[in-house]
């Protein structure tokens, strides 16, 4: 992967809802539909982060910022690009932007079975602060979430 080939953009507003929904559907099941993404994007402080290689979308993140704190609502890497370090690069850029925006705490939830994501977040300084029982619904049933935070 050549870092100079990576483009990372931050967007606000509902114009990015269709792309956000398309990418979410490729990464997660059940996925957020376009209406859900559009609704999320209308809430002040919500930012869509897009990573591309050339013209090809590779990964995304969705953040909500309010009063010096932020929540990482979703982060996904398209299946054909997973396990190549893109999630870490995307998260690092997102954190840089949050710090520049005077955010000092970042929260997230991650599935207890999502060991890859847990490893990524721990490697970036996130710590577990709680659990949410049956937080995620998957085809296989319910999954608890680990709530994590990082001081920025």
C-alpha atoms as a PDB file:
ATOM      1  CA  UNK A   1       0.000   0.000   0.000  1.00  0.00           C
ATOM      2  CA  UNK A   2       1.425   3.372  -0.982  1.00  0.00           C
ATOM      3  CA  UNK A   3       0.348   6.077   1.463  1.00  0.00           C
ATOM      4  CA  UNK A   4       0.461   8.710  -1.267  1.00  0.00           C
ATOM      5  CA  UNK A   5      -2.317   6.801  -3.093  1.00  0.00           C
ATOM      6  CA  UNK A   6      -4.689   7.147  -0.112  1.00  0.00           C
ATOM      7  CA  UNK A   7      -7.188  10.002  -0.046  1.00  0.00           C
ATOM      8  CA  UNK A   8      -9.175  10.749   3.120  1.00  0.00           C
ATOM      9  CA  UNK A   9     -12.095  13.165   3.062  1.00  0.00           C
ATOM     10  CA  UNK A  10     -14.493  14.375   5.751  1.00  0.00           C
ATOM     11  CA  UNK A  11     -18.073  15.239   4.804  1.00  0.00           C
ATOM     12  CA  UNK A  12     -21.142  16.586   6.536  1.00  0.00           C
ATOM     13  CA  UNK A  13     -24.795  16.649   5.473  1.00  0.00           C
ATOM     14  CA  UNK A  14     -27.086  14.185   3.757  1.00  0.00           C
ATOM     15  CA  UNK A  15     -25.329  14.296   0.373  1.00  0.00           C
ATOM     16  CA  UNK A  16     -23.078  11.421   1.482  1.00  0.00           C
ATOM     17  CA  UNK A  17     -25.957   9.250   2.829  1.00  0.00           C
ATOM     18  CA  UNK A  18     -26.239   7.015  -0.264  1.00  0.00           C
ATOM     19  CA  UNK A  19     -22.507   6.272  -0.281  1.00  0.00           C
ATOM     20  CA  UNK A  20     -22.496   5.714   3.488  1.00  0.00           C
ATOM     21  CA  UNK A  21     -25.391   3.239   3.209  1.00  0.00           C
ATOM     22  CA  UNK A  22     -23.792   1.393   0.278  1.00  0.00           C
ATOM     23  CA  UNK A  23     -20.498   0.994   2.118  1.00  0.00           C
ATOM     24  CA  UNK A  24     -22.191   0.030   5.398  1.00  0.00           C
ATOM     25  CA  UNK A  25     -24.124  -2.703   3.554  1.00  0.00           C
ATOM     26  CA  UNK A  26     -20.888  -4.127   2.166  1.00  0.00           C
ATOM     27  CA  UNK A  27     -19.338  -4.248   5.649  1.00  0.00           C
ATOM     28  CA  UNK A  28     -22.176  -5.130   8.037  1.00  0.00           C
ATOM     29  CA  UNK A  29     -25.334  -7.175   8.352  1.00  0.00           C
ATOM     30  CA  UNK A  30     -27.841  -5.921   9.160  1.00  0.00           C
ATOM     31  CA  UNK A  31     -26.824  -2.704   7.445  1.00  0.00           C
ATOM     32  CA  UNK A  32     -28.029   0.845   7.850  1.00  0.00           C
ATOM     33  CA  UNK A  33     -30.188   1.888   4.910  1.00  0.00           C
ATOM     34  CA  UNK A  34     -29.947   5.232   3.129  1.00  0.00           C
ATOM     35  CA  UNK A  35     -32.778   6.756   5.181  1.00  0.00           C
ATOM     36  CA  UNK A  36     -30.999   5.823   8.425  1.00  0.00           C
ATOM     37  CA  UNK A  37     -27.724   7.293   7.179  1.00  0.00           C
ATOM     38  CA  UNK A  38     -29.487  10.465   5.993  1.00  0.00           C
ATOM     39  CA  UNK A  39     -31.197  10.799   9.369  1.00  0.00           C
ATOM     40  CA  UNK A  40     -27.874  10.401  11.183  1.00  0.00           C
ATOM     41  CA  UNK A  41     -26.195  12.955   8.932  1.00  0.00           C
ATOM     42  CA  UNK A  42     -28.812  15.613   9.744  1.00  0.00           C
ATOM     43  CA  UNK A  43     -27.803  15.602  13.421  1.00  0.00           C
ATOM     44  CA  UNK A  44     -25.368  18.450  14.120  1.00  0.00           C
ATOM     45  CA  UNK A  45     -21.815  17.288  14.747  1.00  0.00           C
ATOM     46  CA  UNK A  46     -22.098  14.156  12.593  1.00  0.00           C
ATOM     47  CA  UNK A  47     -19.172  13.638  10.207  1.00  0.00           C
ATOM     48  CA  UNK A  48     -18.669  10.982   7.514  1.00  0.00           C
ATOM     49  CA  UNK A  49     -15.032  10.054   6.846  1.00  0.00           C
ATOM     50  CA  UNK A  50     -14.181   8.374   3.541  1.00  0.00           C
ATOM     51  CA  UNK A  51     -10.932   6.662   2.561  1.00  0.00           C
ATOM     52  CA  UNK A  52     -10.312   6.065  -1.130  1.00  0.00           C
ATOM     53  CA  UNK A  53      -7.547   4.571  -3.237  1.00  0.00           C
ATOM     54  CA  UNK A  54      -7.705   6.557  -6.435  1.00  0.00           C
ATOM     55  CA  UNK A  55     -11.420   6.673  -7.263  1.00  0.00           C
ATOM     56  CA  UNK A  56     -12.242   3.501  -5.303  1.00  0.00           C
ATOM     57  CA  UNK A  57     -13.843   3.822  -1.865  1.00  0.00           C
ATOM     58  CA  UNK A  58     -12.039   1.540   0.598  1.00  0.00           C
ATOM     59  CA  UNK A  59     -13.232   2.409   4.102  1.00  0.00           C
ATOM     60  CA  UNK A  60     -15.451   4.757   6.067  1.00  0.00           C
ATOM     61  CA  UNK A  61     -16.118   6.018   9.561  1.00  0.00           C
ATOM     62  CA  UNK A  62     -19.000   7.942  11.042  1.00  0.00           C
ATOM     63  CA  UNK A  63     -18.452  10.208  14.044  1.00  0.00           C
ATOM     64  CA  UNK A  64     -20.760  12.322  16.172  1.00  0.00           C
ATOM     65  CA  UNK A  65     -19.157  15.228  18.057  1.00  0.00           C
ATOM     66  CA  UNK A  66     -20.685  17.302  20.840  1.00  0.00           C
ATOM     67  CA  UNK A  67     -19.220  19.506  23.575  1.00  0.00           C
ATOM     68  CA  UNK A  68     -15.649  18.238  23.395  1.00  0.00           C
ATOM     69  CA  UNK A  69     -16.598  14.570  23.167  1.00  0.00           C
ATOM     70  CA  UNK A  70     -17.175  12.286  20.198  1.00  0.00           C
ATOM     71  CA  UNK A  71     -18.562   8.849  19.476  1.00  0.00           C
ATOM     72  CA  UNK A  72     -17.353   6.598  16.701  1.00  0.00           C
ATOM     73  CA  UNK A  73     -20.708   5.350  15.422  1.00  0.00           C
ATOM     74  CA  UNK A  74     -19.352   3.017  12.755  1.00  0.00           C
ATOM     75  CA  UNK A  75     -16.081   2.130  11.058  1.00  0.00           C
ATOM     76  CA  UNK A  76     -15.903  -0.306   8.182  1.00  0.00           C
ATOM     77  CA  UNK A  77     -13.414  -1.487   5.588  1.00  0.00           C
ATOM     78  CA  UNK A  78     -14.763  -3.092   2.429  1.00  0.00           C
ATOM     79  CA  UNK A  79     -14.152  -6.866   2.556  1.00  0.00           C
ATOM     80  CA  UNK A  80     -11.620  -6.955  -0.285  1.00  0.00           C
ATOM     81  CA  UNK A  81      -9.437  -4.392   1.552  1.00  0.00           C
ATOM     82  CA  UNK A  82      -9.613  -5.808   5.091  1.00  0.00           C
ATOM     83  CA  UNK A  83      -6.537  -6.775   7.140  1.00  0.00           C
ATOM     84  CA  UNK A  84      -4.212  -4.452   5.214  1.00  0.00           C
ATOM     85  CA  UNK A  85      -3.924  -1.656   7.782  1.00  0.00           C
ATOM     86  CA  UNK A  86      -6.532   0.667   6.274  1.00  0.00           C
ATOM     87  CA  UNK A  87      -8.736   0.743   9.387  1.00  0.00           C
ATOM     88  CA  UNK A  88      -5.819   1.952  11.509  1.00  0.00           C
ATOM     89  CA  UNK A  89      -4.887   4.666   9.021  1.00  0.00           C
ATOM     90  CA  UNK A  90      -8.514   5.805   8.814  1.00  0.00           C
ATOM     91  CA  UNK A  91      -8.889   5.873  12.600  1.00  0.00           C
ATOM     92  CA  UNK A  92      -5.598   7.743  13.059  1.00  0.00           C
ATOM     93  CA  UNK A  93      -6.725  10.448  10.608  1.00  0.00           C
ATOM     94  CA  UNK A  94     -10.109  10.640  12.295  1.00  0.00           C
ATOM     95  CA  UNK A  95      -8.496  11.104  15.696  1.00  0.00           C
ATOM     96  CA  UNK A  96      -6.208  13.834  14.298  1.00  0.00           C
ATOM     97  CA  UNK A  97      -9.252  15.718  13.017  1.00  0.00           C
ATOM     98  CA  UNK A  98     -11.103  15.289  16.317  1.00  0.00           C
ATOM     99  CA  UNK A  99      -8.131  16.637  18.275  1.00  0.00           C
ATOM    100  CA  UNK A 100      -7.917  19.625  15.897  1.00  0.00           C
ATOM    101  CA  UNK A 101     -11.631  20.213  16.609  1.00  0.00           C
ATOM    102  CA  UNK A 102     -11.003  20.349  20.396  1.00  0.00           C
ATOM    103  CA  UNK A 103     -12.451  16.897  21.094  1.00  0.00           C
ATOM    104  CA  UNK A 104     -10.853  15.392  24.206  1.00  0.00           C
ATOM    105  CA  UNK A 105     -12.751  12.091  24.635  1.00  0.00           C
ATOM    106  CA  UNK A 106     -13.718   9.481  22.039  1.00  0.00           C
ATOM    107  CA  UNK A 107     -16.178   6.675  22.803  1.00  0.00           C
ATOM    108  CA  UNK A 108     -17.208   3.618  20.799  1.00  0.00           C
ATOM    109  CA  UNK A 109     -18.970   0.278  21.045  1.00  0.00           C
ATOM    110  CA  UNK A 110     -17.554  -2.903  19.531  1.00  0.00           C
ATOM    111  CA  UNK A 111     -18.981  -6.415  19.414  1.00  0.00           C
ATOM    112  CA  UNK A 112     -17.494  -8.898  21.881  1.00  0.00           C
ATOM    113  CA  UNK A 113     -16.909 -11.273  18.956  1.00  0.00           C
ATOM    114  CA  UNK A 114     -15.165  -8.666  16.784  1.00  0.00           C
ATOM    115  CA  UNK A 115     -11.635  -9.462  17.916  1.00  0.00           C
ATOM    116  CA  UNK A 116      -9.944  -7.684  14.976  1.00  0.00           C
ATOM    117  CA  UNK A 117     -11.653  -4.397  15.851  1.00  0.00           C
ATOM    118  CA  UNK A 118     -10.976  -4.807  19.570  1.00  0.00           C
ATOM    119  CA  UNK A 119      -7.289  -5.300  18.799  1.00  0.00           C
ATOM    120  CA  UNK A 120      -7.257  -2.177  16.607  1.00  0.00           C
ATOM    121  CA  UNK A 121      -8.925  -0.024  19.242  1.00  0.00           C
ATOM    122  CA  UNK A 122      -6.704  -1.281  22.064  1.00  0.00           C
ATOM    123  CA  UNK A 123      -3.613  -0.630  19.914  1.00  0.00           C
ATOM    124  CA  UNK A 124      -4.797   2.988  19.598  1.00  0.00           C
ATOM    125  CA  UNK A 125      -5.163   3.475  23.357  1.00  0.00           C
ATOM    126  CA  UNK A 126      -8.846   2.696  23.906  1.00  0.00           C
ATOM    127  CA  UNK A 127      -9.817   1.080  27.200  1.00  0.00           C
ATOM    128  CA  UNK A 128     -12.930  -0.879  28.115  1.00  0.00           C
ATOM    129  CA  UNK A 129     -15.309   1.058  30.357  1.00  0.00           C
ATOM    130  CA  UNK A 130     -18.421  -1.125  30.229  1.00  0.00           C
ATOM    131  CA  UNK A 131     -20.592  -3.628  28.409  1.00  0.00           C
ATOM    132  CA  UNK A 132     -24.026  -3.524  26.777  1.00  0.00           C
ATOM    133  CA  UNK A 133     -25.939  -6.788  26.813  1.00  0.00           C
ATOM    134  CA  UNK A 134     -27.553  -7.883  23.518  1.00  0.00           C
ATOM    135  CA  UNK A 135     -26.559  -4.589  21.857  1.00  0.00           C
ATOM    136  CA  UNK A 136     -26.061  -5.919  18.322  1.00  0.00           C
ATOM    137  CA  UNK A 137     -28.493  -8.005  16.285  1.00  0.00           C
ATOM    138  CA  UNK A 138     -26.968 -10.361  13.711  1.00  0.00           C
ATOM    139  CA  UNK A 139     -28.289 -13.221  11.642  1.00  0.00           C
ATOM    140  CA  UNK A 140     -26.823 -15.535  14.272  1.00  0.00           C
ATOM    141  CA  UNK A 141     -28.609 -13.772  17.112  1.00  0.00           C
ATOM    142  CA  UNK A 142     -27.680 -11.145  19.677  1.00  0.00           C
ATOM    143  CA  UNK A 143     -24.197  -9.977  20.626  1.00  0.00           C
ATOM    144  CA  UNK A 144     -22.998  -7.959  23.591  1.00  0.00           C
ATOM    145  CA  UNK A 145     -21.003  -4.777  23.010  1.00  0.00           C
ATOM    146  CA  UNK A 146     -17.876  -3.567  24.752  1.00  0.00           C
ATOM    147  CA  UNK A 147     -17.979   0.173  25.391  1.00  0.00           C
ATOM    148  CA  UNK A 148     -14.555   1.781  25.083  1.00  0.00           C
ATOM    149  CA  UNK A 149     -13.085   5.238  25.461  1.00  0.00           C
ATOM    150  CA  UNK A 150      -9.869   7.046  24.716  1.00  0.00           C
ATOM    151  CA  UNK A 151      -8.644  10.327  26.096  1.00  0.00           C
ATOM    152  CA  UNK A 152      -7.350  12.391  23.163  1.00  0.00           C
END
